[in-house]
Amino acid sequence: MVRVGFPGGPRLEWYDRNPSTQLLWYGGAGIAPHGLIARATYTVPTGKKAFLEYGIVVAIRATAPTTAGRVTTQITITPSGGSAAGFLVIRWTSAVLDYHESMNVGNAGALAAGDMIQVMTADLSTGGTLDYSAGVKLTEFSA
């Protein structure tokens, strides 16, 4: 008779291994022009992994600029020991009041210990303001 099984018993599914919800979020209203800046950062702790369930980036022109410049709202992922890569990125140029762009994604995958996520914004306009919303929802669990 041949037995089929897992050495040491079956391993629990990721969502049953001490799960906890982690939210990384940035919301700003009436933000003046600025260079690329990190607004929020999350790093997966040692001994953990994180499942990226949802991400969104939004930028809305709140007041008109004198000269429109490129607007960027992005979420980047930097693997442990690696280089940052854009995960969700919107870039646009408009002086029109209430003009907006957005992007979202669901069920994006797992991150390993040491991987970092950053929410970043930039507005290279002269004058005017923007409203930003950007972030991710993760489920952190034992590796």
Protein backbone atom coordinates (compact mmCIF):
# COMPACT_ATOMS: atom_id res chain seq x y z
CA MET A 1 0.00 0.00 0.00
CA VAL A 2 1.36 3.42 -0.98
CA ARG A 3 0.57 6.41 1.22
CA VAL A 4 0.30 9.85 -0.24
CA GLY A 5 0.60 12.84 2.03
CA PHE A 6 2.74 15.70 3.23
CA PRO A 7 5.83 15.16 5.37
CA GLY A 8 5.05 16.59 8.79
CA GLY A 9 1.35 16.92 7.97
CA PRO A 10 -0.51 19.29 5.70
CA ARG A 11 0.51 22.95 5.65
CA LEU A 12 -2.18 25.51 6.30
CA GLU A 13 -3.27 27.75 3.44
CA TRP A 14 -1.72 31.25 3.51
CA TYR A 15 -4.93 32.87 4.73
CA ASP A 16 -4.96 30.54 7.77
CA ARG A 17 -1.38 31.29 8.90
CA ASN A 18 -1.86 34.12 11.43
CA PRO A 19 -3.38 36.57 8.93
CA SER A 20 -3.61 40.30 9.64
CA THR A 21 -4.88 43.10 7.44
CA GLN A 22 -2.41 45.84 6.54
CA LEU A 23 -3.48 49.09 4.86
CA LEU A 24 -0.99 51.46 3.27
CA TRP A 25 -2.82 54.65 2.37
CA TYR A 26 -2.23 58.27 1.44
CA GLY A 27 -4.95 60.86 0.90
CA GLY A 28 -4.16 64.53 0.42
CA ALA A 29 -6.41 67.46 -0.56
CA GLY A 30 -5.28 70.79 -1.99
CA ILE A 31 -1.66 69.67 -2.40
CA ALA A 32 0.62 72.26 -4.04
CA PRO A 33 3.15 71.38 -6.78
CA HIS A 34 6.12 69.28 -5.63
CA GLY A 35 8.77 66.88 -6.92
CA LEU A 36 8.42 63.10 -6.57
CA ILE A 37 8.02 62.29 -2.88
CA ALA A 38 7.25 59.10 -0.92
CA ARG A 39 3.99 59.57 0.99
CA ALA A 40 3.70 56.15 2.66
CA THR A 41 5.93 53.06 2.97
CA TYR A 42 5.39 49.44 4.03
CA THR A 43 8.03 46.71 4.32
CA VAL A 44 7.09 43.04 4.76
CA PRO A 45 8.47 41.98 8.18
CA THR A 46 10.94 39.14 8.72
CA GLY A 47 9.19 35.75 8.94
CA LYS A 48 6.14 37.06 7.09
CA LYS A 49 4.75 37.28 3.58
CA ALA A 50 2.01 39.58 2.35
CA PHE A 51 -0.65 38.99 -0.27
CA LEU A 52 -1.41 42.17 -2.21
CA GLU A 53 -5.20 42.16 -2.52
CA TYR A 54 -5.98 45.58 -3.94
CA GLY A 55 -4.25 48.75 -5.10
CA ILE A 56 -5.51 52.11 -6.36
CA VAL A 57 -4.05 55.47 -7.45
CA VAL A 58 -6.10 58.61 -8.15
CA ALA A 59 -5.17 62.26 -8.86
CA ILE A 60 -7.73 65.06 -9.39
CA ARG A 61 -6.98 68.65 -10.47
CA ALA A 62 -8.49 70.72 -7.61
CA THR A 63 -7.44 74.21 -8.74
CA ALA A 64 -6.05 75.25 -12.10
CA PRO A 65 -2.30 75.88 -12.46
CA THR A 66 -0.69 78.80 -14.27
CA THR A 67 1.34 76.31 -16.28
CA ALA A 68 0.42 72.62 -16.34
CA GLY A 69 3.20 70.16 -15.61
CA ARG A 70 3.29 66.38 -15.44
CA VAL A 71 1.34 64.84 -12.56
CA THR A 72 2.41 61.44 -11.24
CA THR A 73 0.74 59.18 -8.71
CA GLN A 74 2.34 55.77 -8.30
CA ILE A 75 2.81 52.73 -6.16
CA THR A 76 6.22 51.10 -6.49
CA ILE A 77 7.41 47.71 -5.29
CA THR A 78 11.06 47.18 -4.38
CA PRO A 79 12.03 43.52 -3.92
CA SER A 80 14.42 42.89 -1.03
CA GLY A 81 17.85 43.84 -2.38
CA GLY A 82 16.40 44.86 -5.75
CA SER A 83 15.44 47.97 -7.67
CA ALA A 84 12.13 49.81 -7.47
CA ALA A 85 9.60 49.08 -10.19
CA GLY A 86 6.32 50.85 -10.90
CA PHE A 87 3.37 48.68 -9.95
CA LEU A 88 0.51 51.15 -10.49
CA VAL A 89 1.46 54.37 -12.27
CA ILE A 90 -0.59 57.24 -13.70
CA ARG A 91 1.02 60.22 -15.42
CA TRP A 92 -0.83 63.07 -17.09
CA THR A 93 -0.67 66.76 -17.92
CA SER A 94 -3.78 68.97 -17.80
CA ALA A 95 -4.74 72.40 -16.51
CA VAL A 96 -8.46 71.59 -16.67
CA LEU A 97 -10.27 71.88 -13.34
CA ASP A 98 -11.54 68.49 -12.06
CA TYR A 99 -9.54 66.55 -14.66
CA HIS A 100 -8.56 63.22 -13.13
CA GLU A 101 -6.95 59.87 -13.84
CA SER A 102 -7.09 56.64 -11.86
CA MET A 103 -5.96 53.03 -12.01
CA ASN A 104 -6.61 50.02 -9.81
CA VAL A 105 -5.76 46.34 -9.62
CA GLY A 106 -6.93 43.38 -7.55
CA ASN A 107 -5.32 40.12 -6.43
CA ALA A 108 -1.82 41.07 -7.50
CA GLY A 109 0.17 38.35 -5.72
CA ALA A 110 2.49 37.70 -2.80
CA LEU A 111 5.40 39.72 -1.45
CA ALA A 112 8.30 38.20 0.47
CA ALA A 113 9.97 39.39 3.69
CA GLY A 114 11.94 42.57 3.05
CA ASP A 115 9.93 43.61 -0.02
CA MET A 116 8.87 47.27 0.16
CA ILE A 117 5.87 49.16 -1.23
CA GLN A 118 5.79 52.96 -1.53
CA VAL A 119 3.03 55.40 -2.43
CA MET A 120 4.53 58.38 -4.29
CA THR A 121 3.20 61.62 -5.79
CA ALA A 122 4.53 64.50 -7.91
CA ASP A 123 3.13 67.62 -9.57
CA LEU A 124 5.52 69.58 -11.77
CA SER A 125 3.00 72.35 -12.52
CA THR A 126 3.41 76.01 -11.66
CA GLY A 127 0.63 76.85 -9.21
CA GLY A 128 -2.65 75.02 -8.80
CA THR A 129 -3.40 72.11 -6.48
CA LEU A 130 -4.32 68.43 -6.65
CA ASP A 131 -6.25 65.93 -4.55
CA TYR A 132 -4.62 62.50 -4.22
CA SER A 133 -5.81 59.09 -3.04
CA ALA A 134 -3.53 56.08 -3.30
CA GLY A 135 -2.92 52.88 -1.40
CA VAL A 136 -3.00 49.13 -1.09
CA LYS A 137 -4.70 46.50 1.06
CA LEU A 138 -2.57 43.52 2.04
CA THR A 139 -3.06 40.39 4.10
CA GLU A 140 0.14 39.70 6.03
CA PHE A 141 0.70 36.08 7.12
CA SER A 142 3.35 33.73 8.54
CA ALA A 143 5.79 32.56 5.87
